[in-house]
C-alpha atoms as a PDB file:
ATOM      1  CA  PRO A   1    -138.950 -22.713-167.573  1.00  0.00           C
ATOM      2  CA  LEU A   2    -136.637 -20.002-168.894  1.00  0.00           C
ATOM      3  CA  SER A   3    -138.517 -17.298-166.962  1.00  0.00           C
ATOM      4  CA  HIS A   4    -137.916 -19.190-163.713  1.00  0.00           C
ATOM      5  CA  SER A   5    -134.225 -19.526-164.416  1.00  0.00           C
ATOM      6  CA  THR A   6    -133.830 -15.880-165.247  1.00  0.00           C
ATOM      7  CA  ALA A   7    -135.711 -14.888-162.112  1.00  0.00           C
ATOM      8  CA  ARG A   8    -133.452 -17.221-160.053  1.00  0.00           C
ATOM      9  CA  ARG A   9    -130.418 -15.696-161.511  1.00  0.00           C
ATOM     10  CA  ASP A  10    -131.569 -12.123-160.858  1.00  0.00           C
ATOM     11  CA  ILE A  11    -132.218 -13.134-157.232  1.00  0.00           C
ATOM     12  CA  THR A  12    -128.681 -14.431-156.955  1.00  0.00           C
ATOM     13  CA  GLN A  13    -127.265 -11.242-158.333  1.00  0.00           C
ATOM     14  CA  TRP A  14    -129.692  -9.350-155.777  1.00  0.00           C
ATOM     15  CA  ILE A  15    -128.485 -11.318-152.884  1.00  0.00           C
ATOM     16  CA  ASP A  16    -124.855 -10.871-153.982  1.00  0.00           C
ATOM     17  CA  SER A  17    -125.306  -7.183-154.099  1.00  0.00           C
ATOM     18  CA  ILE A  18    -126.873  -7.165-150.584  1.00  0.00           C
ATOM     19  CA  GLN A  19    -124.054  -9.094-149.208  1.00  0.00           C
ATOM     20  CA  THR A  20    -121.491  -6.797-150.828  1.00  0.00           C
ATOM     21  CA  THR A  21    -123.292  -3.833-149.265  1.00  0.00           C
ATOM     22  CA  GLN A  22    -123.305  -5.411-145.836  1.00  0.00           C
ATOM     23  CA  VAL A  23    -119.665  -6.220-146.088  1.00  0.00           C
ATOM     24  CA  ARG A  24    -118.793  -2.551-146.993  1.00  0.00           C
ATOM     25  CA  LYS A  25    -120.905  -1.449-144.132  1.00  0.00           C
ATOM     26  CA  TYR A  26    -119.599  -3.937-141.627  1.00  0.00           C
ATOM     27  CA  PRO A  27    -116.254  -5.207-142.792  1.00  0.00           C
ATOM     28  CA  ARG A  28    -115.134  -8.434-141.085  1.00  0.00           C
ATOM     29  CA  ARG A  29    -111.539  -8.456-139.927  1.00  0.00           C
END
């Protein structure tokens, strides 16, 4: 369904946002 696809895309952006925050807090070098 379209709603499922939209929700999945939203989750992907949400996870990407969290990963970006973690990288900023704990930079890997």
